Amino acid sequence: MLRYLFKRLTSLALTLLVASVVLFVTIEIVPGDPASFMLGINAQADTLEALRAELGLDKSKPVRYWQWLTGMLQGDFGTSYTYKTPVANMIGERMWISLPLTLFALLISTAIAFPAGIYAASRRGRFGDAAVTGMTQLGVAIPNFWFAMLLVSFFAIKLGWFSSGGFVGWDQGLLAGLKSLLLPAIALALPQAAILTRVMRSSLLDVLSEDYMRTARAKGMSKRSAIWRHGLRNAMIPVLTILGLQFSFLLAGAIIIEKVFYLPGLGLLVFQSIAQRDLIVVESVVMLLVFAVVTVTFLVDLAYAWVDPRLRTRS
């Protein structure tokens, strides 16, 4: 297990290093100069050079990359060009919205998908299976931003049960904060729940056809007991893969939902920073999201080894 863990940690470090290089180069080749954007097209040349020196843009690209990389390793993400505020503070404030929203949506997705997938697999070919499959097809087909607007129109505008946008803040209490995130979390969760339900059903159907499942049934074990004691754990590997991918997608891809509900999260921060050419913020936030994706993938790999010990032996 230690050898398996060391190999995965090495792969994680190399992936992050390559991702940082690709991200930095991509941001640098994008047209436009932050200093020129901030001062406007009529700025004097000496004023422009002074601002570039103040922002550190006059240094060579390798030097800037090295300073950015070593700063991130020390927890220093630099200072925003636009707001003159440490980027780490800006990310920390927005993370308290984006991360709970992601976890809330993942919890809703899992709570829907696991029972639905198990129910559909245990009733293969029956009406219940067809109903669940039809609902998942509908869930996959509906874009989450359109579903978000439907939720706002019905629950916020027509019924008035929820606010149509914004975030009240965690200082108003846990329930008030979760209420502000409920509609965005549902809008994010339902399409992902449809995908996870289909994967859960397909994986469990493959397991139910295995010899050890038939042996368990032949020994007198009920179908429900055989699924819960033997089938579910062996069907978890593809499900864990999708869960890891969904967490990454929900954290990094919630920008449209945050825009619809006007949530001041990481997605809205990236959107605003791109519009303002605040490149240091864009680099830092995207690198943080890359780190989250790679870390979740690493944890999923460890979960593989825990679910199926044969993977540790092969490694």
C-alpha atoms as a PDB file:
ATOM      1  CA  MET A   1       0.000   0.000   0.000  1.00  0.00           C
ATOM      2  CA  LEU A   2       2.900   2.390   0.752  1.00  0.00           C
ATOM      3  CA  ARG A   3       4.383   1.763  -2.685  1.00  0.00           C
ATOM      4  CA  TYR A   4       0.987   2.385  -4.271  1.00  0.00           C
ATOM      5  CA  LEU A   5       0.632   5.607  -2.263  1.00  0.00           C
ATOM      6  CA  PHE A   6       4.130   6.829  -3.238  1.00  0.00           C
ATOM      7  CA  LYS A   7       3.475   6.259  -6.927  1.00  0.00           C
ATOM      8  CA  ARG A   8       0.215   8.192  -6.774  1.00  0.00           C
ATOM      9  CA  LEU A   9       1.797  11.089  -4.875  1.00  0.00           C
ATOM     10  CA  THR A  10       4.606  11.301  -7.433  1.00  0.00           C
ATOM     11  CA  SER A  11       2.087  11.323 -10.260  1.00  0.00           C
ATOM     12  CA  LEU A  12       0.104  14.051  -8.475  1.00  0.00           C
ATOM     13  CA  ALA A  13       3.173  16.293  -8.068  1.00  0.00           C
ATOM     14  CA  LEU A  14       4.243  15.886 -11.710  1.00  0.00           C
ATOM     15  CA  THR A  15       0.712  16.574 -12.933  1.00  0.00           C
ATOM     16  CA  LEU A  16       0.509  19.788 -10.931  1.00  0.00           C
ATOM     17  CA  LEU A  17       3.908  20.946 -12.214  1.00  0.00           C
ATOM     18  CA  VAL A  18       2.974  20.350 -15.853  1.00  0.00           C
ATOM     19  CA  ALA A  19      -0.423  21.972 -15.327  1.00  0.00           C
ATOM     20  CA  SER A  20       1.198  25.088 -13.835  1.00  0.00           C
ATOM     21  CA  VAL A  21       3.483  25.462 -16.869  1.00  0.00           C
ATOM     22  CA  VAL A  22       0.628  24.979 -19.345  1.00  0.00           C
ATOM     23  CA  LEU A  23      -1.595  27.415 -17.454  1.00  0.00           C
ATOM     24  CA  PHE A  24       1.072  30.114 -17.215  1.00  0.00           C
ATOM     25  CA  VAL A  25       2.003  29.848 -20.889  1.00  0.00           C
ATOM     26  CA  THR A  26      -1.659  29.889 -21.947  1.00  0.00           C
ATOM     27  CA  ILE A  27      -2.392  33.016 -19.915  1.00  0.00           C
ATOM     28  CA  GLU A  28       0.730  34.754 -21.249  1.00  0.00           C
ATOM     29  CA  ILE A  29      -0.102  34.206 -24.917  1.00  0.00           C
ATOM     30  CA  VAL A  30      -3.629  35.590 -24.547  1.00  0.00           C
ATOM     31  CA  PRO A  31      -3.765  38.999 -26.300  1.00  0.00           C
ATOM     32  CA  GLY A  32      -4.020  42.090 -24.163  1.00  0.00           C
ATOM     33  CA  ASP A  33      -1.920  43.793 -21.519  1.00  0.00           C
ATOM     34  CA  PRO A  34      -3.347  44.294 -18.001  1.00  0.00           C
ATOM     35  CA  ALA A  35      -1.573  47.631 -17.584  1.00  0.00           C
ATOM     36  CA  SER A  36      -2.928  48.955 -20.882  1.00  0.00           C
ATOM     37  CA  PHE A  37      -6.422  47.773 -19.943  1.00  0.00           C
ATOM     38  CA  MET A  38      -6.259  49.517 -16.571  1.00  0.00           C
ATOM     39  CA  LEU A  39      -4.950  52.847 -17.904  1.00  0.00           C
ATOM     40  CA  GLY A  40      -6.866  52.934 -21.177  1.00  0.00           C
ATOM     41  CA  ILE A  41      -5.769  53.513 -24.747  1.00  0.00           C
ATOM     42  CA  ASN A  42      -4.718  57.126 -24.139  1.00  0.00           C
ATOM     43  CA  ALA A  43      -2.163  56.341 -21.420  1.00  0.00           C
ATOM     44  CA  GLN A  44       1.304  57.867 -21.674  1.00  0.00           C
ATOM     45  CA  ALA A  45       4.206  55.510 -22.353  1.00  0.00           C
ATOM     46  CA  ASP A  46       6.090  56.406 -19.160  1.00  0.00           C
ATOM     47  CA  THR A  47       2.938  55.958 -17.049  1.00  0.00           C
ATOM     48  CA  LEU A  48       2.334  52.597 -18.686  1.00  0.00           C
ATOM     49  CA  GLU A  49       5.903  51.452 -17.992  1.00  0.00           C
ATOM     50  CA  ALA A  50       5.662  52.602 -14.376  1.00  0.00           C
ATOM     51  CA  LEU A  51       2.479  50.619 -13.842  1.00  0.00           C
ATOM     52  CA  ARG A  52       4.004  47.554 -15.493  1.00  0.00           C
ATOM     53  CA  ALA A  53       6.976  47.810 -13.133  1.00  0.00           C
ATOM     54  CA  GLU A  54       4.628  48.197 -10.144  1.00  0.00           C
ATOM     55  CA  LEU A  55       2.680  45.084 -11.159  1.00  0.00           C
ATOM     56  CA  GLY A  56       5.864  43.117 -11.891  1.00  0.00           C
ATOM     57  CA  LEU A  57       4.993  42.741 -15.563  1.00  0.00           C
ATOM     58  CA  ASP A  58       8.340  44.162 -16.685  1.00  0.00           C
ATOM     59  CA  LYS A  59      10.205  41.030 -15.571  1.00  0.00           C
ATOM     60  CA  SER A  60      10.952  38.133 -17.870  1.00  0.00           C
ATOM     61  CA  LYS A  61       8.396  35.347 -18.162  1.00  0.00           C
ATOM     62  CA  PRO A  62      10.595  32.636 -16.538  1.00  0.00           C
ATOM     63  CA  VAL A  63      11.220  34.903 -13.551  1.00  0.00           C
ATOM     64  CA  ARG A  64       7.532  35.688 -13.195  1.00  0.00           C
ATOM     65  CA  TYR A  65       6.622  32.000 -13.451  1.00  0.00           C
ATOM     66  CA  TRP A  66       9.174  31.064 -10.791  1.00  0.00           C
ATOM     67  CA  GLN A  67       7.959  33.797  -8.438  1.00  0.00           C
ATOM     68  CA  TRP A  68       4.354  32.763  -8.986  1.00  0.00           C
ATOM     69  CA  LEU A  69       5.105  29.063  -8.425  1.00  0.00           C
ATOM     70  CA  THR A  70       7.238  29.525  -5.286  1.00  0.00           C
ATOM     71  CA  GLY A  71       4.729  32.013  -3.934  1.00  0.00           C
ATOM     72  CA  MET A  72       1.877  29.508  -4.302  1.00  0.00           C
ATOM     73  CA  LEU A  73       3.916  26.855  -2.496  1.00  0.00           C
ATOM     74  CA  GLN A  74       4.181  29.303   0.420  1.00  0.00           C
ATOM     75  CA  GLY A  75       0.503  30.237   0.283  1.00  0.00           C
ATOM     76  CA  ASP A  76       1.144  33.596  -1.417  1.00  0.00           C
ATOM     77  CA  PHE A  77      -0.902  33.914  -4.624  1.00  0.00           C
ATOM     78  CA  GLY A  78       0.164  37.491  -5.305  1.00  0.00           C
ATOM     79  CA  THR A  79      -1.855  40.713  -5.326  1.00  0.00           C
ATOM     80  CA  SER A  80      -4.808  41.486  -7.557  1.00  0.00           C
ATOM     81  CA  TYR A  81      -4.048  44.038 -10.246  1.00  0.00           C
ATOM     82  CA  THR A  82      -7.539  45.514 -10.046  1.00  0.00           C
ATOM     83  CA  TYR A  83      -8.461  45.412  -6.349  1.00  0.00           C
ATOM     84  CA  LYS A  84      -4.932  45.718  -4.857  1.00  0.00           C
ATOM     85  CA  THR A  85      -5.903  42.910  -2.492  1.00  0.00           C
ATOM     86  CA  PRO A  86      -4.039  39.639  -1.786  1.00  0.00           C
ATOM     87  CA  VAL A  87      -5.438  37.005  -4.107  1.00  0.00           C
ATOM     88  CA  ALA A  88      -5.365  34.442  -1.289  1.00  0.00           C
ATOM     89  CA  ASN A  89      -7.843  36.552   0.702  1.00  0.00           C
ATOM     90  CA  MET A  90     -10.143  36.902  -2.308  1.00  0.00           C
ATOM     91  CA  ILE A  91     -10.052  33.149  -2.933  1.00  0.00           C
ATOM     92  CA  GLY A  92     -10.657  32.397   0.736  1.00  0.00           C
ATOM     93  CA  GLU A  93     -13.757  34.580   0.826  1.00  0.00           C
ATOM     94  CA  ARG A  94     -15.196  33.053  -2.345  1.00  0.00           C
ATOM     95  CA  MET A  95     -14.267  29.486  -1.379  1.00  0.00           C
ATOM     96  CA  TRP A  96     -16.666  29.626   1.572  1.00  0.00           C
ATOM     97  CA  ILE A  97     -19.454  29.811  -0.991  1.00  0.00           C
ATOM     98  CA  SER A  98     -18.219  27.627  -3.860  1.00  0.00           C
ATOM     99  CA  LEU A  99     -17.042  24.687  -1.735  1.00  0.00           C
ATOM    100  CA  PRO A 100     -20.246  24.342   0.345  1.00  0.00           C
ATOM    101  CA  LEU A 101     -22.272  24.711  -2.868  1.00  0.00           C
ATOM    102  CA  THR A 102     -20.261  21.909  -4.490  1.00  0.00           C
ATOM    103  CA  LEU A 103     -20.527  19.593  -1.492  1.00  0.00           C
ATOM    104  CA  PHE A 104     -24.237  20.351  -1.110  1.00  0.00           C
ATOM    105  CA  ALA A 105     -24.872  19.572  -4.787  1.00  0.00           C
ATOM    106  CA  LEU A 106     -22.782  16.383  -4.596  1.00  0.00           C
ATOM    107  CA  LEU A 107     -24.704  15.262  -1.521  1.00  0.00           C
ATOM    108  CA  ILE A 108     -28.041  15.820  -3.259  1.00  0.00           C
ATOM    109  CA  SER A 109     -26.816  14.052  -6.401  1.00  0.00           C
ATOM    110  CA  THR A 110     -25.566  11.029  -4.461  1.00  0.00           C
ATOM    111  CA  ALA A 111     -28.687  10.839  -2.287  1.00  0.00           C
ATOM    112  CA  ILE A 112     -30.829  10.669  -5.444  1.00  0.00           C
ATOM    113  CA  ALA A 113     -28.604   8.497  -7.647  1.00  0.00           C
ATOM    114  CA  PHE A 114     -27.694   5.642  -5.316  1.00  0.00           C
ATOM    115  CA  PRO A 115     -31.244   4.577  -4.375  1.00  0.00           C
ATOM    116  CA  ALA A 116     -32.516   5.210  -7.922  1.00  0.00           C
ATOM    117  CA  GLY A 117     -29.690   3.229  -9.552  1.00  0.00           C
ATOM    118  CA  ILE A 118     -30.075   0.298  -7.146  1.00  0.00           C
ATOM    119  CA  TYR A 119     -33.845   0.334  -7.579  1.00  0.00           C
ATOM    120  CA  ALA A 120     -33.598   0.320 -11.383  1.00  0.00           C
ATOM    121  CA  ALA A 121     -30.987  -2.466 -11.458  1.00  0.00           C
ATOM    122  CA  SER A 122     -32.984  -4.683  -9.092  1.00  0.00           C
ATOM    123  CA  ARG A 123     -36.074  -4.319 -11.322  1.00  0.00           C
ATOM    124  CA  ARG A 124     -34.469  -4.713 -14.712  1.00  0.00           C
ATOM    125  CA  GLY A 125     -37.008  -4.844 -17.532  1.00  0.00           C
ATOM    126  CA  ARG A 126     -39.914  -3.798 -15.319  1.00  0.00           C
ATOM    127  CA  PHE A 127     -41.875  -0.583 -15.150  1.00  0.00           C
ATOM    128  CA  GLY A 128     -39.723   0.842 -12.336  1.00  0.00           C
ATOM    129  CA  ASP A 129     -36.564   0.375 -14.398  1.00  0.00           C
ATOM    130  CA  ALA A 130     -38.138   2.045 -17.432  1.00  0.00           C
ATOM    131  CA  ALA A 131     -39.412   4.965 -15.329  1.00  0.00           C
ATOM    132  CA  VAL A 132     -36.006   5.615 -13.741  1.00  0.00           C
ATOM    133  CA  THR A 133     -34.248   5.311 -17.120  1.00  0.00           C
ATOM    134  CA  GLY A 134     -36.680   7.773 -18.702  1.00  0.00           C
ATOM    135  CA  MET A 135     -36.178  10.273 -15.887  1.00  0.00           C
ATOM    136  CA  THR A 136     -32.390  10.023 -16.231  1.00  0.00           C
ATOM    137  CA  GLN A 137     -32.612  10.680 -19.966  1.00  0.00           C
ATOM    138  CA  LEU A 138     -34.669  13.777 -19.230  1.00  0.00           C
ATOM    139  CA  GLY A 139     -32.171  14.887 -16.581  1.00  0.00           C
ATOM    140  CA  VAL A 140     -29.213  14.513 -18.924  1.00  0.00           C
ATOM    141  CA  ALA A 141     -31.002  16.389 -21.720  1.00  0.00           C
ATOM    142  CA  ILE A 142     -31.979  19.474 -19.675  1.00  0.00           C
ATOM    143  CA  PRO A 143     -29.177  22.094 -19.367  1.00  0.00           C
ATOM    144  CA  ASN A 144     -28.587  23.020 -15.749  1.00  0.00           C
ATOM    145  CA  PHE A 145     -28.715  26.788 -16.406  1.00  0.00           C
ATOM    146  CA  TRP A 146     -32.174  26.435 -17.998  1.00  0.00           C
ATOM    147  CA  PHE A 147     -33.319  24.300 -15.091  1.00  0.00           C
ATOM    148  CA  ALA A 148     -31.902  26.953 -12.743  1.00  0.00           C
ATOM    149  CA  MET A 149     -34.034  29.626 -14.392  1.00  0.00           C
ATOM    150  CA  LEU A 150     -37.113  27.414 -14.023  1.00  0.00           C
ATOM    151  CA  LEU A 151     -36.374  27.001 -10.316  1.00  0.00           C
ATOM    152  CA  VAL A 152     -36.012  30.766  -9.901  1.00  0.00           C
ATOM    153  CA  SER A 153     -39.236  31.444 -11.804  1.00  0.00           C
ATOM    154  CA  PHE A 154     -41.308  28.954  -9.817  1.00  0.00           C
ATOM    155  CA  PHE A 155     -39.882  28.822  -6.283  1.00  0.00           C
ATOM    156  CA  ALA A 156     -38.498  32.366  -6.002  1.00  0.00           C
ATOM    157  CA  ILE A 157     -40.754  34.562  -8.137  1.00  0.00           C
ATOM    158  CA  LYS A 158     -44.094  32.708  -8.152  1.00  0.00           C
ATOM    159  CA  LEU A 159     -44.108  31.069  -4.708  1.00  0.00           C
ATOM    160  CA  GLY A 160     -41.659  33.404  -2.970  1.00  0.00           C
ATOM    161  CA  TRP A 161     -40.150  30.613  -0.886  1.00  0.00           C
ATOM    162  CA  PHE A 162     -36.552  31.476  -1.749  1.00  0.00           C
ATOM    163  CA  SER A 163     -34.514  34.489  -2.764  1.00  0.00           C
ATOM    164  CA  SER A 164     -33.951  34.800  -6.512  1.00  0.00           C
ATOM    165  CA  GLY A 165     -30.241  35.438  -6.061  1.00  0.00           C
ATOM    166  CA  GLY A 166     -27.406  36.495  -3.801  1.00  0.00           C
ATOM    167  CA  PHE A 167     -26.060  34.950  -0.623  1.00  0.00           C
ATOM    168  CA  VAL A 168     -27.089  35.998   2.885  1.00  0.00           C
ATOM    169  CA  GLY A 169     -23.759  35.051   4.483  1.00  0.00           C
ATOM    170  CA  TRP A 170     -22.872  32.360   6.991  1.00  0.00           C
ATOM    171  CA  ASP A 171     -23.053  34.894   9.809  1.00  0.00           C
ATOM    172  CA  GLN A 172     -26.849  34.727   9.462  1.00  0.00           C
ATOM    173  CA  GLY A 173     -26.782  31.078  10.510  1.00  0.00           C
ATOM    174  CA  LEU A 174     -26.226  27.684   8.918  1.00  0.00           C
ATOM    175  CA  LEU A 175     -29.854  27.169   7.901  1.00  0.00           C
ATOM    176  CA  ALA A 176     -30.071  30.598   6.269  1.00  0.00           C
ATOM    177  CA  GLY A 177     -26.873  29.949   4.328  1.00  0.00           C
ATOM    178  CA  LEU A 178     -28.004  26.516   3.165  1.00  0.00           C
ATOM    179  CA  LYS A 179     -31.370  27.969   2.138  1.00  0.00           C
ATOM    180  CA  SER A 180     -29.542  30.465  -0.098  1.00  0.00           C
ATOM    181  CA  LEU A 181     -27.610  27.609  -1.694  1.00  0.00           C
ATOM    182  CA  LEU A 182     -30.494  25.143  -2.018  1.00  0.00           C
ATOM    183  CA  LEU A 183     -31.828  26.175  -5.437  1.00  0.00           C
ATOM    184  CA  PRO A 184     -28.338  26.488  -7.002  1.00  0.00           C
ATOM    185  CA  ALA A 185     -27.351  23.129  -5.510  1.00  0.00           C
ATOM    186  CA  ILE A 186     -30.463  21.443  -6.926  1.00  0.00           C
ATOM    187  CA  ALA A 187     -29.834  23.001 -10.347  1.00  0.00           C
ATOM    188  CA  LEU A 188     -26.280  21.649 -10.280  1.00  0.00           C
ATOM    189  CA  ALA A 189     -27.174  18.274  -8.767  1.00  0.00           C
ATOM    190  CA  LEU A 190     -30.047  16.945 -10.872  1.00  0.00           C
ATOM    191  CA  PRO A 191     -28.189  16.563 -14.208  1.00  0.00           C
ATOM    192  CA  GLN A 192     -25.285  14.942 -12.350  1.00  0.00           C
ATOM    193  CA  ALA A 193     -27.693  12.681 -10.461  1.00  0.00           C
ATOM    194  CA  ALA A 194     -29.089  11.461 -13.778  1.00  0.00           C
ATOM    195  CA  ILE A 195     -25.605  10.539 -15.019  1.00  0.00           C
ATOM    196  CA  LEU A 196     -24.651   8.862 -11.747  1.00  0.00           C
ATOM    197  CA  THR A 197     -27.912   6.889 -11.681  1.00  0.00           C
ATOM    198  CA  ARG A 198     -27.233   5.453 -15.130  1.00  0.00           C
ATOM    199  CA  VAL A 199     -23.675   4.494 -14.177  1.00  0.00           C
ATOM    200  CA  MET A 200     -24.857   2.926 -10.921  1.00  0.00           C
ATOM    201  CA  ARG A 201     -27.522   0.912 -12.709  1.00  0.00           C
ATOM    202  CA  SER A 202     -25.172  -0.281 -15.455  1.00  0.00           C
ATOM    203  CA  SER A 203     -22.384  -1.228 -13.046  1.00  0.00           C
ATOM    204  CA  LEU A 204     -24.728  -3.077 -10.715  1.00  0.00           C
ATOM    205  CA  LEU A 205     -26.315  -4.996 -13.603  1.00  0.00           C
ATOM    206  CA  ASP A 206     -22.841  -6.222 -14.612  1.00  0.00           C
ATOM    207  CA  VAL A 207     -22.191  -7.387 -11.064  1.00  0.00           C
ATOM    208  CA  LEU A 208     -25.556  -9.151 -10.749  1.00  0.00           C
ATOM    209  CA  SER A 209     -24.622 -11.449 -13.651  1.00  0.00           C
ATOM    210  CA  GLU A 210     -21.424 -12.672 -11.958  1.00  0.00           C
ATOM    211  CA  ASP A 211     -21.070 -16.232 -10.679  1.00  0.00           C
ATOM    212  CA  TYR A 212     -20.549 -15.259  -7.038  1.00  0.00           C
ATOM    213  CA  MET A 213     -23.891 -13.442  -7.038  1.00  0.00           C
ATOM    214  CA  ARG A 214     -25.669 -16.508  -8.368  1.00  0.00           C
ATOM    215  CA  THR A 215     -23.859 -18.611  -5.741  1.00  0.00           C
ATOM    216  CA  ALA A 216     -25.021 -16.267  -2.978  1.00  0.00           C
ATOM    217  CA  ARG A 217     -28.601 -16.546  -4.201  1.00  0.00           C
ATOM    218  CA  ALA A 218     -28.299 -20.351  -4.481  1.00  0.00           C
ATOM    219  CA  LYS A 219     -27.239 -20.508  -0.825  1.00  0.00           C
ATOM    220  CA  GLY A 220     -30.544 -18.923   0.155  1.00  0.00           C
ATOM    221  CA  MET A 221     -29.573 -15.261   0.418  1.00  0.00           C
ATOM    222  CA  SER A 222     -32.298 -12.841  -0.619  1.00  0.00           C
ATOM    223  CA  LYS A 223     -31.779 -10.619  -3.636  1.00  0.00           C
ATOM    224  CA  ARG A 224     -31.677  -7.497  -1.481  1.00  0.00           C
ATOM    225  CA  SER A 225     -29.087  -8.985   0.885  1.00  0.00           C
ATOM    226  CA  ALA A 226     -26.946 -10.211  -2.013  1.00  0.00           C
ATOM    227  CA  ILE A 227     -26.952  -6.731  -3.558  1.00  0.00           C
ATOM    228  CA  TRP A 228     -26.074  -4.934  -0.333  1.00  0.00           C
ATOM    229  CA  ARG A 229     -23.508  -7.440   0.992  1.00  0.00           C
ATOM    230  CA  HIS A 230     -21.746  -8.485  -2.221  1.00  0.00           C
ATOM    231  CA  GLY A 231     -22.936  -6.565  -5.254  1.00  0.00           C
ATOM    232  CA  LEU A 232     -22.760  -2.942  -4.187  1.00  0.00           C
ATOM    233  CA  ARG A 233     -19.097  -2.865  -3.154  1.00  0.00           C
ATOM    234  CA  ASN A 234     -17.959  -4.561  -6.360  1.00  0.00           C
ATOM    235  CA  ALA A 235     -20.016  -2.123  -8.435  1.00  0.00           C
ATOM    236  CA  MET A 236     -18.479   0.944  -6.796  1.00  0.00           C
ATOM    237  CA  ILE A 237     -15.317   1.414  -8.893  1.00  0.00           C
ATOM    238  CA  PRO A 238     -16.959   3.080 -11.940  1.00  0.00           C
ATOM    239  CA  VAL A 239     -19.293   4.933  -9.589  1.00  0.00           C
ATOM    240  CA  LEU A 240     -16.334   6.345  -7.655  1.00  0.00           C
ATOM    241  CA  THR A 241     -14.812   7.496 -10.927  1.00  0.00           C
ATOM    242  CA  ILE A 242     -17.948   9.425 -11.817  1.00  0.00           C
ATOM    243  CA  LEU A 243     -18.198  10.860  -8.293  1.00  0.00           C
ATOM    244  CA  GLY A 244     -14.661  12.196  -8.538  1.00  0.00           C
ATOM    245  CA  LEU A 245     -15.317  13.706 -11.939  1.00  0.00           C
ATOM    246  CA  GLN A 246     -18.581  15.213 -10.746  1.00  0.00           C
ATOM    247  CA  PHE A 247     -16.963  16.890  -7.757  1.00  0.00           C
ATOM    248  CA  SER A 248     -14.366  18.436 -10.038  1.00  0.00           C
ATOM    249  CA  PHE A 249     -17.025  19.534 -12.520  1.00  0.00           C
ATOM    250  CA  LEU A 250     -19.266  20.997  -9.843  1.00  0.00           C
ATOM    251  CA  LEU A 251     -16.406  22.961  -8.277  1.00  0.00           C
ATOM    252  CA  ALA A 252     -14.873  24.224 -11.510  1.00  0.00           C
ATOM    253  CA  GLY A 253     -17.945  24.363 -13.729  1.00  0.00           C
ATOM    254  CA  ALA A 254     -20.460  26.186 -11.567  1.00  0.00           C
ATOM    255  CA  ILE A 255     -19.692  29.564 -13.130  1.00  0.00           C
ATOM    256  CA  ILE A 256     -22.974  29.677 -15.085  1.00  0.00           C
ATOM    257  CA  ILE A 257     -25.076  28.725 -12.060  1.00  0.00           C
ATOM    258  CA  GLU A 258     -23.251  31.284  -9.922  1.00  0.00           C
ATOM    259  CA  LYS A 259     -23.982  33.850 -12.619  1.00  0.00           C
ATOM    260  CA  VAL A 260     -27.700  32.944 -12.738  1.00  0.00           C
ATOM    261  CA  PHE A 261     -28.078  33.185  -8.954  1.00  0.00           C
ATOM    262  CA  TYR A 262     -25.443  35.911  -8.620  1.00  0.00           C
ATOM    263  CA  LEU A 263     -23.488  33.989  -6.015  1.00  0.00           C
ATOM    264  CA  PRO A 264     -20.117  35.598  -5.185  1.00  0.00           C
ATOM    265  CA  GLY A 265     -18.149  32.376  -5.594  1.00  0.00           C
ATOM    266  CA  LEU A 266     -15.020  31.328  -7.444  1.00  0.00           C
ATOM    267  CA  GLY A 267     -16.821  31.051 -10.759  1.00  0.00           C
ATOM    268  CA  LEU A 268     -18.032  34.637 -10.646  1.00  0.00           C
ATOM    269  CA  LEU A 269     -14.558  35.754  -9.520  1.00  0.00           C
ATOM    270  CA  VAL A 270     -12.943  34.104 -12.563  1.00  0.00           C
ATOM    271  CA  PHE A 271     -15.553  35.621 -14.874  1.00  0.00           C
ATOM    272  CA  GLN A 272     -14.964  39.133 -13.509  1.00  0.00           C
ATOM    273  CA  SER A 273     -11.181  38.734 -13.514  1.00  0.00           C
ATOM    274  CA  ILE A 274     -11.132  37.673 -17.155  1.00  0.00           C
ATOM    275  CA  ALA A 275     -13.237  40.702 -18.089  1.00  0.00           C
ATOM    276  CA  GLN A 276     -10.877  42.993 -16.159  1.00  0.00           C
ATOM    277  CA  ARG A 277      -7.664  41.316 -17.413  1.00  0.00           C
ATOM    278  CA  ASP A 278      -6.703  40.557 -13.801  1.00  0.00           C
ATOM    279  CA  LEU A 279      -4.437  37.729 -14.909  1.00  0.00           C
ATOM    280  CA  ILE A 280      -2.869  36.930 -11.534  1.00  0.00           C
ATOM    281  CA  VAL A 281      -6.324  36.171 -10.133  1.00  0.00           C
ATOM    282  CA  VAL A 282      -7.236  34.012 -13.131  1.00  0.00           C
ATOM    283  CA  GLU A 283      -3.978  32.050 -12.893  1.00  0.00           C
ATOM    284  CA  SER A 284      -4.290  31.482  -9.160  1.00  0.00           C
ATOM    285  CA  VAL A 285      -7.946  30.466  -9.147  1.00  0.00           C
ATOM    286  CA  VAL A 286      -7.588  28.114 -12.115  1.00  0.00           C
ATOM    287  CA  MET A 287      -4.462  26.563 -10.571  1.00  0.00           C
ATOM    288  CA  LEU A 288      -6.368  26.052  -7.341  1.00  0.00           C
ATOM    289  CA  LEU A 289      -9.158  24.325  -9.271  1.00  0.00           C
ATOM    290  CA  VAL A 290      -6.571  22.144 -11.034  1.00  0.00           C
ATOM    291  CA  PHE A 291      -5.162  21.217  -7.635  1.00  0.00           C
ATOM    292  CA  ALA A 292      -8.645  20.307  -6.419  1.00  0.00           C
ATOM    293  CA  VAL A 293      -9.286  18.141  -9.493  1.00  0.00           C
ATOM    294  CA  VAL A 294      -5.953  16.318  -9.211  1.00  0.00           C
ATOM    295  CA  THR A 295      -6.355  15.822  -5.462  1.00  0.00           C
ATOM    296  CA  VAL A 296      -9.850  14.389  -5.889  1.00  0.00           C
ATOM    297  CA  THR A 297      -8.501  12.033  -8.569  1.00  0.00           C
ATOM    298  CA  PHE A 298      -5.780  10.960  -6.133  1.00  0.00           C
ATOM    299  CA  LEU A 299      -8.357  10.288  -3.413  1.00  0.00           C
ATOM    300  CA  VAL A 300     -10.481   8.312  -5.887  1.00  0.00           C
ATOM    301  CA  ASP A 301      -7.433   6.166  -6.701  1.00  0.00           C
ATOM    302  CA  LEU A 302      -6.996   5.466  -2.993  1.00  0.00           C
ATOM    303  CA  ALA A 303     -10.684   4.623  -2.764  1.00  0.00           C
ATOM    304  CA  TYR A 304     -10.179   2.121  -5.612  1.00  0.00           C
ATOM    305  CA  ALA A 305      -7.496   0.382  -3.600  1.00  0.00           C
ATOM    306  CA  TRP A 306      -9.738   0.312  -0.532  1.00  0.00           C
ATOM    307  CA  VAL A 307     -12.744  -1.047  -2.414  1.00  0.00           C
ATOM    308  CA  ASP A 308     -10.786  -3.604  -4.454  1.00  0.00           C
ATOM    309  CA  PRO A 309      -7.577  -4.877  -2.743  1.00  0.00           C
ATOM    310  CA  ARG A 310      -6.576  -6.591  -5.993  1.00  0.00           C
ATOM    311  CA  LEU A 311      -5.566  -3.180  -7.373  1.00  0.00           C
ATOM    312  CA  ARG A 312      -2.944  -2.829  -4.628  1.00  0.00           C
ATOM    313  CA  THR A 313      -1.540  -6.231  -5.507  1.00  0.00           C
ATOM    314  CA  ARG A 314      -1.339  -5.396  -9.220  1.00  0.00           C
ATOM    315  CA  SER A 315       0.350  -2.092  -8.445  1.00  0.00           C
END
